ModelCIF file with pLDDT and N, C-alpha, C, O atoms, coordinates in Angstrom:
data_MODEL
#
_entry.id   MODEL 
#
_entity.id                         1 
_entity.type                       polymer 
_entity.pdbx_number_of_molecules   1 
#
_entity_poly.entity_id                      1 
_entity_poly.type                           'polypeptide(L)' 
_entity_poly.nstd_linkage                   no 
_entity_poly.nstd_monomer                   no 
_entity_poly.pdbx_seq_one_letter_code       
;(UNK)(UNK)(UNK)(UNK)(UNK)(UNK)(UNK)(UNK)(UNK)(UNK)(UNK)(UNK)(UNK)(UNK)(UNK)(UNK)
(UNK)(UNK)(UNK)(UNK)(UNK)(UNK)(UNK)(UNK)(UNK)(UNK)(UNK)(UNK)(UNK)(UNK)(UNK)(UNK)
(UNK)(UNK)(UNK)(UNK)(UNK)(UNK)(UNK)
;
_entity_poly.pdbx_seq_one_letter_code_can   XXXXXXXXXXXXXXXXXXXXXXXXXXXXXXXXXXXXXXX 
_entity_poly.pdbx_strand_id                 A 
#
loop_
_entity_poly_seq.entity_id 
_entity_poly_seq.num 
_entity_poly_seq.mon_id 
_entity_poly_seq.hetero 
1 1  UNK n 
1 2  UNK n 
1 3  UNK n 
1 4  UNK n 
1 5  UNK n 
1 6  UNK n 
1 7  UNK n 
1 8  UNK n 
1 9  UNK n 
1 10 UNK n 
1 11 UNK n 
1 12 UNK n 
1 13 UNK n 
1 14 UNK n 
1 15 UNK n 
1 16 UNK n 
1 17 UNK n 
1 18 UNK n 
1 19 UNK n 
1 20 UNK n 
1 21 UNK n 
1 22 UNK n 
1 23 UNK n 
1 24 UNK n 
1 25 UNK n 
1 26 UNK n 
1 27 UNK n 
1 28 UNK n 
1 29 UNK n 
1 30 UNK n 
1 31 UNK n 
1 32 UNK n 
1 33 UNK n 
1 34 UNK n 
1 35 UNK n 
1 36 UNK n 
1 37 UNK n 
1 38 UNK n 
1 39 UNK n 
#
_struct_asym.id          A 
_struct_asym.entity_id   1 
#
loop_
_ma_qa_metric.id 
_ma_qa_metric.mode 
_ma_qa_metric.name 
_ma_qa_metric.software_group_id 
_ma_qa_metric.type 
1 global pLDDT . pLDDT 
2 local  pLDDT . pLDDT 
#
_ma_qa_metric_global.metric_id      1 
_ma_qa_metric_global.metric_value   96.56 
_ma_qa_metric_global.model_id       1 
_ma_qa_metric_global.ordinal_id     1 
#
loop_
_ma_qa_metric_local.label_asym_id 
_ma_qa_metric_local.label_comp_id 
_ma_qa_metric_local.label_seq_id 
_ma_qa_metric_local.metric_id 
_ma_qa_metric_local.metric_value 
_ma_qa_metric_local.model_id 
_ma_qa_metric_local.ordinal_id 
A UNK 1  2 97.00 1 1  
A UNK 2  2 97.00 1 2  
A UNK 3  2 97.00 1 3  
A UNK 4  2 96.00 1 4  
A UNK 5  2 94.00 1 5  
A UNK 6  2 94.00 1 6  
A UNK 7  2 97.00 1 7  
A UNK 8  2 98.00 1 8  
A UNK 9  2 98.00 1 9  
A UNK 10 2 98.00 1 10 
A UNK 11 2 98.00 1 11 
A UNK 12 2 98.00 1 12 
A UNK 13 2 98.00 1 13 
A UNK 14 2 98.00 1 14 
A UNK 15 2 98.00 1 15 
A UNK 16 2 98.00 1 16 
A UNK 17 2 98.00 1 17 
A UNK 18 2 98.00 1 18 
A UNK 19 2 98.00 1 19 
A UNK 20 2 98.00 1 20 
A UNK 21 2 97.00 1 21 
A UNK 22 2 97.00 1 22 
A UNK 23 2 94.00 1 23 
A UNK 24 2 94.00 1 24 
A UNK 25 2 96.00 1 25 
A UNK 26 2 95.00 1 26 
A UNK 27 2 91.00 1 27 
A UNK 28 2 94.00 1 28 
A UNK 29 2 94.00 1 29 
A UNK 30 2 96.00 1 30 
A UNK 31 2 96.00 1 31 
A UNK 32 2 96.00 1 32 
A UNK 33 2 96.00 1 33 
A UNK 34 2 97.00 1 34 
A UNK 35 2 98.00 1 35 
A UNK 36 2 97.00 1 36 
A UNK 37 2 97.00 1 37 
A UNK 38 2 98.00 1 38 
A UNK 39 2 97.00 1 39 
#
loop_
_atom_site.group_PDB 
_atom_site.id 
_atom_site.type_symbol 
_atom_site.label_atom_id 
_atom_site.label_alt_id 
_atom_site.label_comp_id 
_atom_site.label_asym_id 
_atom_site.label_entity_id 
_atom_site.label_seq_id 
_atom_site.pdbx_PDB_ins_code 
_atom_site.Cartn_x 
_atom_site.Cartn_y 
_atom_site.Cartn_z 
_atom_site.occupancy 
_atom_site.B_iso_or_equiv 
_atom_site.pdbx_formal_charge 
_atom_site.auth_seq_id 
_atom_site.auth_comp_id 
_atom_site.auth_asym_id 
_atom_site.auth_atom_id 
_atom_site.pdbx_PDB_model_num 
ATOM 1   N N  . UNK A 1 1  ? 0.820   -1.213  0.000   1.00 97.00 ? 1  UNK A N  1 
ATOM 2   C CA . UNK A 1 1  ? 0.000   0.000   0.000   1.00 97.00 ? 1  UNK A CA 1 
ATOM 3   C C  . UNK A 1 1  ? 0.849   1.256   0.000   1.00 97.00 ? 1  UNK A C  1 
ATOM 4   O O  . UNK A 1 1  ? 0.485   2.256   -0.620  1.00 97.00 ? 1  UNK A O  1 
ATOM 5   N N  . UNK A 1 2  ? 1.978   1.211   0.692   1.00 97.00 ? 2  UNK A N  1 
ATOM 6   C CA . UNK A 1 2  ? 2.842   2.402   0.769   1.00 97.00 ? 2  UNK A CA 1 
ATOM 7   C C  . UNK A 1 2  ? 3.573   2.682   -0.537  1.00 97.00 ? 2  UNK A C  1 
ATOM 8   O O  . UNK A 1 2  ? 4.036   3.802   -0.749  1.00 97.00 ? 2  UNK A O  1 
ATOM 9   N N  . UNK A 1 3  ? 3.689   1.677   -1.428  1.00 97.00 ? 3  UNK A N  1 
ATOM 10  C CA . UNK A 1 3  ? 4.436   1.839   -2.675  1.00 97.00 ? 3  UNK A CA 1 
ATOM 11  C C  . UNK A 1 3  ? 3.549   1.771   -3.915  1.00 97.00 ? 3  UNK A C  1 
ATOM 12  O O  . UNK A 1 3  ? 4.047   1.856   -5.038  1.00 97.00 ? 3  UNK A O  1 
ATOM 13  N N  . UNK A 1 4  ? 2.250   1.621   -3.723  1.00 96.00 ? 4  UNK A N  1 
ATOM 14  C CA . UNK A 1 4  ? 1.337   1.425   -4.843  1.00 96.00 ? 4  UNK A CA 1 
ATOM 15  C C  . UNK A 1 4  ? 1.347   2.641   -5.769  1.00 96.00 ? 4  UNK A C  1 
ATOM 16  O O  . UNK A 1 4  ? 1.255   3.785   -5.323  1.00 96.00 ? 4  UNK A O  1 
ATOM 17  N N  . UNK A 1 5  ? 1.459   2.368   -7.055  1.00 94.00 ? 5  UNK A N  1 
ATOM 18  C CA . UNK A 1 5  ? 1.307   3.432   -8.044  1.00 94.00 ? 5  UNK A CA 1 
ATOM 19  C C  . UNK A 1 5  ? 0.465   2.892   -9.196  1.00 94.00 ? 5  UNK A C  1 
ATOM 20  O O  . UNK A 1 5  ? 0.152   1.702   -9.235  1.00 94.00 ? 5  UNK A O  1 
ATOM 21  N N  . UNK A 1 6  ? 0.097   3.765   -10.133 1.00 94.00 ? 6  UNK A N  1 
ATOM 22  C CA . UNK A 1 6  ? -0.771  3.357   -11.225 1.00 94.00 ? 6  UNK A CA 1 
ATOM 23  C C  . UNK A 1 6  ? -2.144  3.982   -11.087 1.00 94.00 ? 6  UNK A C  1 
ATOM 24  O O  . UNK A 1 6  ? -2.523  4.440   -10.009 1.00 94.00 ? 6  UNK A O  1 
ATOM 25  N N  . UNK A 1 7  ? -2.876  3.999   -12.167 1.00 97.00 ? 7  UNK A N  1 
ATOM 26  C CA . UNK A 1 7  ? -4.211  4.592   -12.182 1.00 97.00 ? 7  UNK A CA 1 
ATOM 27  C C  . UNK A 1 7  ? -5.111  3.734   -13.067 1.00 97.00 ? 7  UNK A C  1 
ATOM 28  O O  . UNK A 1 7  ? -4.784  3.469   -14.223 1.00 97.00 ? 7  UNK A O  1 
ATOM 29  N N  . UNK A 1 8  ? -6.247  3.301   -12.518 1.00 98.00 ? 8  UNK A N  1 
ATOM 30  C CA . UNK A 1 8  ? -7.134  2.384   -13.233 1.00 98.00 ? 8  UNK A CA 1 
ATOM 31  C C  . UNK A 1 8  ? -8.558  2.950   -13.299 1.00 98.00 ? 8  UNK A C  1 
ATOM 32  O O  . UNK A 1 8  ? -9.528  2.220   -13.096 1.00 98.00 ? 8  UNK A O  1 
ATOM 33  N N  . UNK A 1 9  ? -8.677  4.234   -13.578 1.00 98.00 ? 9  UNK A N  1 
ATOM 34  C CA . UNK A 1 9  ? -9.981  4.899   -13.567 1.00 98.00 ? 9  UNK A CA 1 
ATOM 35  C C  . UNK A 1 9  ? -10.929 4.348   -14.635 1.00 98.00 ? 9  UNK A C  1 
ATOM 36  O O  . UNK A 1 9  ? -12.135 4.271   -14.401 1.00 98.00 ? 9  UNK A O  1 
ATOM 37  N N  . UNK A 1 10 ? -10.405 3.965   -15.801 1.00 98.00 ? 10 UNK A N  1 
ATOM 38  C CA . UNK A 1 10 ? -11.275 3.441   -16.852 1.00 98.00 ? 10 UNK A CA 1 
ATOM 39  C C  . UNK A 1 10 ? -11.874 2.095   -16.427 1.00 98.00 ? 10 UNK A C  1 
ATOM 40  O O  . UNK A 1 10 ? -13.074 1.874   -16.591 1.00 98.00 ? 10 UNK A O  1 
ATOM 41  N N  . UNK A 1 11 ? -11.065 1.218   -15.897 1.00 98.00 ? 11 UNK A N  1 
ATOM 42  C CA . UNK A 1 11 ? -11.521 -0.078  -15.389 1.00 98.00 ? 11 UNK A CA 1 
ATOM 43  C C  . UNK A 1 11 ? -12.489 0.114   -14.217 1.00 98.00 ? 11 UNK A C  1 
ATOM 44  O O  . UNK A 1 11 ? -13.503 -0.576  -14.120 1.00 98.00 ? 11 UNK A O  1 
ATOM 45  N N  . UNK A 1 12 ? -12.166 1.051   -13.336 1.00 98.00 ? 12 UNK A N  1 
ATOM 46  C CA . UNK A 1 12 ? -13.037 1.363   -12.206 1.00 98.00 ? 12 UNK A CA 1 
ATOM 47  C C  . UNK A 1 12 ? -14.402 1.841   -12.699 1.00 98.00 ? 12 UNK A C  1 
ATOM 48  O O  . UNK A 1 12 ? -15.431 1.469   -12.134 1.00 98.00 ? 12 UNK A O  1 
ATOM 49  N N  . UNK A 1 13 ? -14.415 2.656   -13.743 1.00 98.00 ? 13 UNK A N  1 
ATOM 50  C CA . UNK A 1 13 ? -15.669 3.128   -14.305 1.00 98.00 ? 13 UNK A CA 1 
ATOM 51  C C  . UNK A 1 13 ? -16.504 1.992   -14.873 1.00 98.00 ? 13 UNK A C  1 
ATOM 52  O O  . UNK A 1 13 ? -17.725 1.971   -14.721 1.00 98.00 ? 13 UNK A O  1 
ATOM 53  N N  . UNK A 1 14 ? -15.839 1.049   -15.528 1.00 98.00 ? 14 UNK A N  1 
ATOM 54  C CA . UNK A 1 14 ? -16.548 -0.120  -16.057 1.00 98.00 ? 14 UNK A CA 1 
ATOM 55  C C  . UNK A 1 14 ? -17.121 -0.953  -14.913 1.00 98.00 ? 14 UNK A C  1 
ATOM 56  O O  . UNK A 1 14 ? -18.244 -1.447  -15.012 1.00 98.00 ? 14 UNK A O  1 
ATOM 57  N N  . UNK A 1 15 ? -16.368 -1.111  -13.840 1.00 98.00 ? 15 UNK A N  1 
ATOM 58  C CA . UNK A 1 15 ? -16.871 -1.847  -12.671 1.00 98.00 ? 15 UNK A CA 1 
ATOM 59  C C  . UNK A 1 15 ? -18.132 -1.192  -12.116 1.00 98.00 ? 15 UNK A C  1 
ATOM 60  O O  . UNK A 1 15 ? -19.082 -1.881  -11.747 1.00 98.00 ? 15 UNK A O  1 
ATOM 61  N N  . UNK A 1 16 ? -18.139 0.114   -12.058 1.00 98.00 ? 16 UNK A N  1 
ATOM 62  C CA . UNK A 1 16 ? -19.331 0.828   -11.599 1.00 98.00 ? 16 UNK A CA 1 
ATOM 63  C C  . UNK A 1 16 ? -20.515 0.576   -12.542 1.00 98.00 ? 16 UNK A C  1 
ATOM 64  O O  . UNK A 1 16 ? -21.650 0.415   -12.094 1.00 98.00 ? 16 UNK A O  1 
ATOM 65  N N  . UNK A 1 17 ? -20.243 0.546   -13.824 1.00 98.00 ? 17 UNK A N  1 
ATOM 66  C CA . UNK A 1 17 ? -21.294 0.310   -14.815 1.00 98.00 ? 17 UNK A CA 1 
ATOM 67  C C  . UNK A 1 17 ? -21.916 -1.076  -14.623 1.00 98.00 ? 17 UNK A C  1 
ATOM 68  O O  . UNK A 1 17 ? -23.138 -1.223  -14.651 1.00 98.00 ? 17 UNK A O  1 
ATOM 69  N N  . UNK A 1 18 ? -21.074 -2.083  -14.430 1.00 98.00 ? 18 UNK A N  1 
ATOM 70  C CA . UNK A 1 18 ? -21.574 -3.447  -14.224 1.00 98.00 ? 18 UNK A CA 1 
ATOM 71  C C  . UNK A 1 18 ? -22.341 -3.544  -12.911 1.00 98.00 ? 18 UNK A C  1 
ATOM 72  O O  . UNK A 1 18 ? -23.396 -4.175  -12.848 1.00 98.00 ? 18 UNK A O  1 
ATOM 73  N N  . UNK A 1 19 ? -21.819 -2.929  -11.883 1.00 98.00 ? 19 UNK A N  1 
ATOM 74  C CA . UNK A 1 19 ? -22.481 -2.942  -10.582 1.00 98.00 ? 19 UNK A CA 1 
ATOM 75  C C  . UNK A 1 19 ? -23.877 -2.323  -10.670 1.00 98.00 ? 19 UNK A C  1 
ATOM 76  O O  . UNK A 1 19 ? -24.829 -2.839  -10.084 1.00 98.00 ? 19 UNK A O  1 
ATOM 77  N N  . UNK A 1 20 ? -23.993 -1.221  -11.401 1.00 98.00 ? 20 UNK A N  1 
ATOM 78  C CA . UNK A 1 20 ? -25.280 -0.545  -11.525 1.00 98.00 ? 20 UNK A CA 1 
ATOM 79  C C  . UNK A 1 20 ? -26.277 -1.341  -12.364 1.00 98.00 ? 20 UNK A C  1 
ATOM 80  O O  . UNK A 1 20 ? -27.488 -1.242  -12.167 1.00 98.00 ? 20 UNK A O  1 
ATOM 81  N N  . UNK A 1 21 ? -25.752 -2.133  -13.304 1.00 97.00 ? 21 UNK A N  1 
ATOM 82  C CA . UNK A 1 21 ? -26.629 -2.879  -14.219 1.00 97.00 ? 21 UNK A CA 1 
ATOM 83  C C  . UNK A 1 21 ? -27.193 -4.146  -13.596 1.00 97.00 ? 21 UNK A C  1 
ATOM 84  O O  . UNK A 1 21 ? -28.178 -4.692  -14.092 1.00 97.00 ? 21 UNK A O  1 
ATOM 85  N N  . UNK A 1 22 ? -26.572 -4.627  -12.499 1.00 97.00 ? 22 UNK A N  1 
ATOM 86  C CA . UNK A 1 22 ? -26.973 -5.912  -11.911 1.00 97.00 ? 22 UNK A CA 1 
ATOM 87  C C  . UNK A 1 22 ? -27.384 -5.722  -10.456 1.00 97.00 ? 22 UNK A C  1 
ATOM 88  O O  . UNK A 1 22 ? -26.523 -5.639  -9.580  1.00 97.00 ? 22 UNK A O  1 
ATOM 89  N N  . UNK A 1 23 ? -28.674 -5.651  -10.187 1.00 94.00 ? 23 UNK A N  1 
ATOM 90  C CA . UNK A 1 23 ? -29.137 -5.449  -8.806  1.00 94.00 ? 23 UNK A CA 1 
ATOM 91  C C  . UNK A 1 23 ? -28.811 -6.645  -7.926  1.00 94.00 ? 23 UNK A C  1 
ATOM 92  O O  . UNK A 1 23 ? -28.733 -7.779  -8.398  1.00 94.00 ? 23 UNK A O  1 
ATOM 93  N N  . UNK A 1 24 ? -28.621 -6.374  -6.638  1.00 94.00 ? 24 UNK A N  1 
ATOM 94  C CA . UNK A 1 24 ? -28.322 -7.465  -5.703  1.00 94.00 ? 24 UNK A CA 1 
ATOM 95  C C  . UNK A 1 24 ? -29.525 -8.388  -5.528  1.00 94.00 ? 24 UNK A C  1 
ATOM 96  O O  . UNK A 1 24 ? -29.373 -9.602  -5.397  1.00 94.00 ? 24 UNK A O  1 
ATOM 97  N N  . UNK A 1 25 ? -30.710 -7.806  -5.527  1.00 96.00 ? 25 UNK A N  1 
ATOM 98  C CA . UNK A 1 25 ? -31.914 -8.619  -5.355  1.00 96.00 ? 25 UNK A CA 1 
ATOM 99  C C  . UNK A 1 25 ? -32.492 -8.922  -6.727  1.00 96.00 ? 25 UNK A C  1 
ATOM 100 O O  . UNK A 1 25 ? -32.989 -8.028  -7.413  1.00 96.00 ? 25 UNK A O  1 
ATOM 101 N N  . UNK A 1 26 ? -32.424 -10.184 -7.123  1.00 95.00 ? 26 UNK A N  1 
ATOM 102 C CA . UNK A 1 26 ? -32.966 -10.613 -8.410  1.00 95.00 ? 26 UNK A CA 1 
ATOM 103 C C  . UNK A 1 26 ? -34.346 -11.234 -8.201  1.00 95.00 ? 26 UNK A C  1 
ATOM 104 O O  . UNK A 1 26 ? -34.808 -11.369 -7.068  1.00 95.00 ? 26 UNK A O  1 
ATOM 105 N N  . UNK A 1 27 ? -34.990 -11.605 -9.286  1.00 91.00 ? 27 UNK A N  1 
ATOM 106 C CA . UNK A 1 27 ? -36.333 -12.165 -9.192  1.00 91.00 ? 27 UNK A CA 1 
ATOM 107 C C  . UNK A 1 27 ? -36.287 -13.545 -8.526  1.00 91.00 ? 27 UNK A C  1 
ATOM 108 O O  . UNK A 1 27 ? -35.551 -14.435 -8.952  1.00 91.00 ? 27 UNK A O  1 
ATOM 109 N N  . UNK A 1 28 ? -37.085 -13.695 -7.483  1.00 94.00 ? 28 UNK A N  1 
ATOM 110 C CA . UNK A 1 28 ? -37.211 -14.967 -6.783  1.00 94.00 ? 28 UNK A CA 1 
ATOM 111 C C  . UNK A 1 28 ? -38.680 -15.202 -6.448  1.00 94.00 ? 28 UNK A C  1 
ATOM 112 O O  . UNK A 1 28 ? -39.483 -14.269 -6.433  1.00 94.00 ? 28 UNK A O  1 
ATOM 113 N N  . UNK A 1 29 ? -39.014 -16.441 -6.186  1.00 94.00 ? 29 UNK A N  1 
ATOM 114 C CA . UNK A 1 29 ? -40.383 -16.795 -5.816  1.00 94.00 ? 29 UNK A CA 1 
ATOM 115 C C  . UNK A 1 29 ? -40.608 -16.497 -4.339  1.00 94.00 ? 29 UNK A C  1 
ATOM 116 O O  . UNK A 1 29 ? -39.954 -17.079 -3.473  1.00 94.00 ? 29 UNK A O  1 
ATOM 117 N N  . UNK A 1 30 ? -41.536 -15.589 -4.058  1.00 96.00 ? 30 UNK A N  1 
ATOM 118 C CA . UNK A 1 30 ? -42.004 -15.334 -2.701  1.00 96.00 ? 30 UNK A CA 1 
ATOM 119 C C  . UNK A 1 30 ? -43.515 -15.188 -2.785  1.00 96.00 ? 30 UNK A C  1 
ATOM 120 O O  . UNK A 1 30 ? -44.009 -14.162 -3.255  1.00 96.00 ? 30 UNK A O  1 
ATOM 121 N N  . UNK A 1 31 ? -44.246 -16.178 -2.345  1.00 96.00 ? 31 UNK A N  1 
ATOM 122 C CA . UNK A 1 31 ? -45.697 -16.151 -2.466  1.00 96.00 ? 31 UNK A CA 1 
ATOM 123 C C  . UNK A 1 31 ? -46.318 -15.128 -1.512  1.00 96.00 ? 31 UNK A C  1 
ATOM 124 O O  . UNK A 1 31 ? -45.712 -14.726 -0.519  1.00 96.00 ? 31 UNK A O  1 
ATOM 125 N N  . UNK A 1 32 ? -47.531 -14.728 -1.843  1.00 96.00 ? 32 UNK A N  1 
ATOM 126 C CA . UNK A 1 32 ? -48.236 -13.706 -1.076  1.00 96.00 ? 32 UNK A CA 1 
ATOM 127 C C  . UNK A 1 32 ? -48.374 -14.131 0.388   1.00 96.00 ? 32 UNK A C  1 
ATOM 128 O O  . UNK A 1 32 ? -48.645 -15.288 0.709   1.00 96.00 ? 32 UNK A O  1 
ATOM 129 N N  . UNK A 1 33 ? -48.174 -13.143 1.254   1.00 96.00 ? 33 UNK A N  1 
ATOM 130 C CA . UNK A 1 33 ? -48.301 -13.389 2.687   1.00 96.00 ? 33 UNK A CA 1 
ATOM 131 C C  . UNK A 1 33 ? -46.997 -13.730 3.368   1.00 96.00 ? 33 UNK A C  1 
ATOM 132 O O  . UNK A 1 33 ? -46.926 -13.758 4.597   1.00 96.00 ? 33 UNK A O  1 
ATOM 133 N N  . UNK A 1 34 ? -45.961 -13.990 2.588   1.00 97.00 ? 34 UNK A N  1 
ATOM 134 C CA . UNK A 1 34 ? -44.650 -14.307 3.150   1.00 97.00 ? 34 UNK A CA 1 
ATOM 135 C C  . UNK A 1 34 ? -43.701 -13.113 2.992   1.00 97.00 ? 34 UNK A C  1 
ATOM 136 O O  . UNK A 1 34 ? -43.857 -12.292 2.089   1.00 97.00 ? 34 UNK A O  1 
ATOM 137 N N  . UNK A 1 35 ? -42.720 -13.039 3.887   1.00 98.00 ? 35 UNK A N  1 
ATOM 138 C CA . UNK A 1 35 ? -41.736 -11.970 3.836   1.00 98.00 ? 35 UNK A CA 1 
ATOM 139 C C  . UNK A 1 35 ? -40.563 -12.377 2.952   1.00 98.00 ? 35 UNK A C  1 
ATOM 140 O O  . UNK A 1 35 ? -39.980 -13.444 3.146   1.00 98.00 ? 35 UNK A O  1 
ATOM 141 N N  . UNK A 1 36 ? -40.214 -11.534 1.985   1.00 97.00 ? 36 UNK A N  1 
ATOM 142 C CA . UNK A 1 36 ? -39.023 -11.791 1.184   1.00 97.00 ? 36 UNK A CA 1 
ATOM 143 C C  . UNK A 1 36 ? -37.796 -11.668 2.077   1.00 97.00 ? 36 UNK A C  1 
ATOM 144 O O  . UNK A 1 36 ? -37.572 -10.597 2.641   1.00 97.00 ? 36 UNK A O  1 
ATOM 145 N N  . UNK A 1 37 ? -36.991 -12.720 2.229   1.00 97.00 ? 37 UNK A N  1 
ATOM 146 C CA . UNK A 1 37 ? -35.795 -12.607 3.067   1.00 97.00 ? 37 UNK A CA 1 
ATOM 147 C C  . UNK A 1 37 ? -34.790 -11.623 2.486   1.00 97.00 ? 37 UNK A C  1 
ATOM 148 O O  . UNK A 1 37 ? -34.052 -10.973 3.226   1.00 97.00 ? 37 UNK A O  1 
ATOM 149 N N  . UNK A 1 38 ? -34.763 -11.513 1.160   1.00 98.00 ? 38 UNK A N  1 
ATOM 150 C CA . UNK A 1 38 ? -33.839 -10.584 0.517   1.00 98.00 ? 38 UNK A CA 1 
ATOM 151 C C  . UNK A 1 38 ? -34.176 -9.141  0.886   1.00 98.00 ? 38 UNK A C  1 
ATOM 152 O O  . UNK A 1 38 ? -33.287 -8.357  1.217   1.00 98.00 ? 38 UNK A O  1 
ATOM 153 N N  . UNK A 1 39 ? -35.466 -8.791  0.828   1.00 97.00 ? 39 UNK A N  1 
ATOM 154 C CA . UNK A 1 39 ? -35.868 -7.421  1.141   1.00 97.00 ? 39 UNK A CA 1 
ATOM 155 C C  . UNK A 1 39 ? -35.720 -7.123  2.633   1.00 97.00 ? 39 UNK A C  1 
ATOM 156 O O  . UNK A 1 39 ? -36.016 -6.012  3.073   1.00 97.00 ? 39 UNK A O  1 
#
């Protein structure tokens, strides 16, 4: 960490793009009356 150099802003930007495109909570079966554990 004390010697780290370099810049990866373009890759970091792509990571943000992928993160935004894929929500953590995806479609799952939760029938009416039950609590979604994900939510």
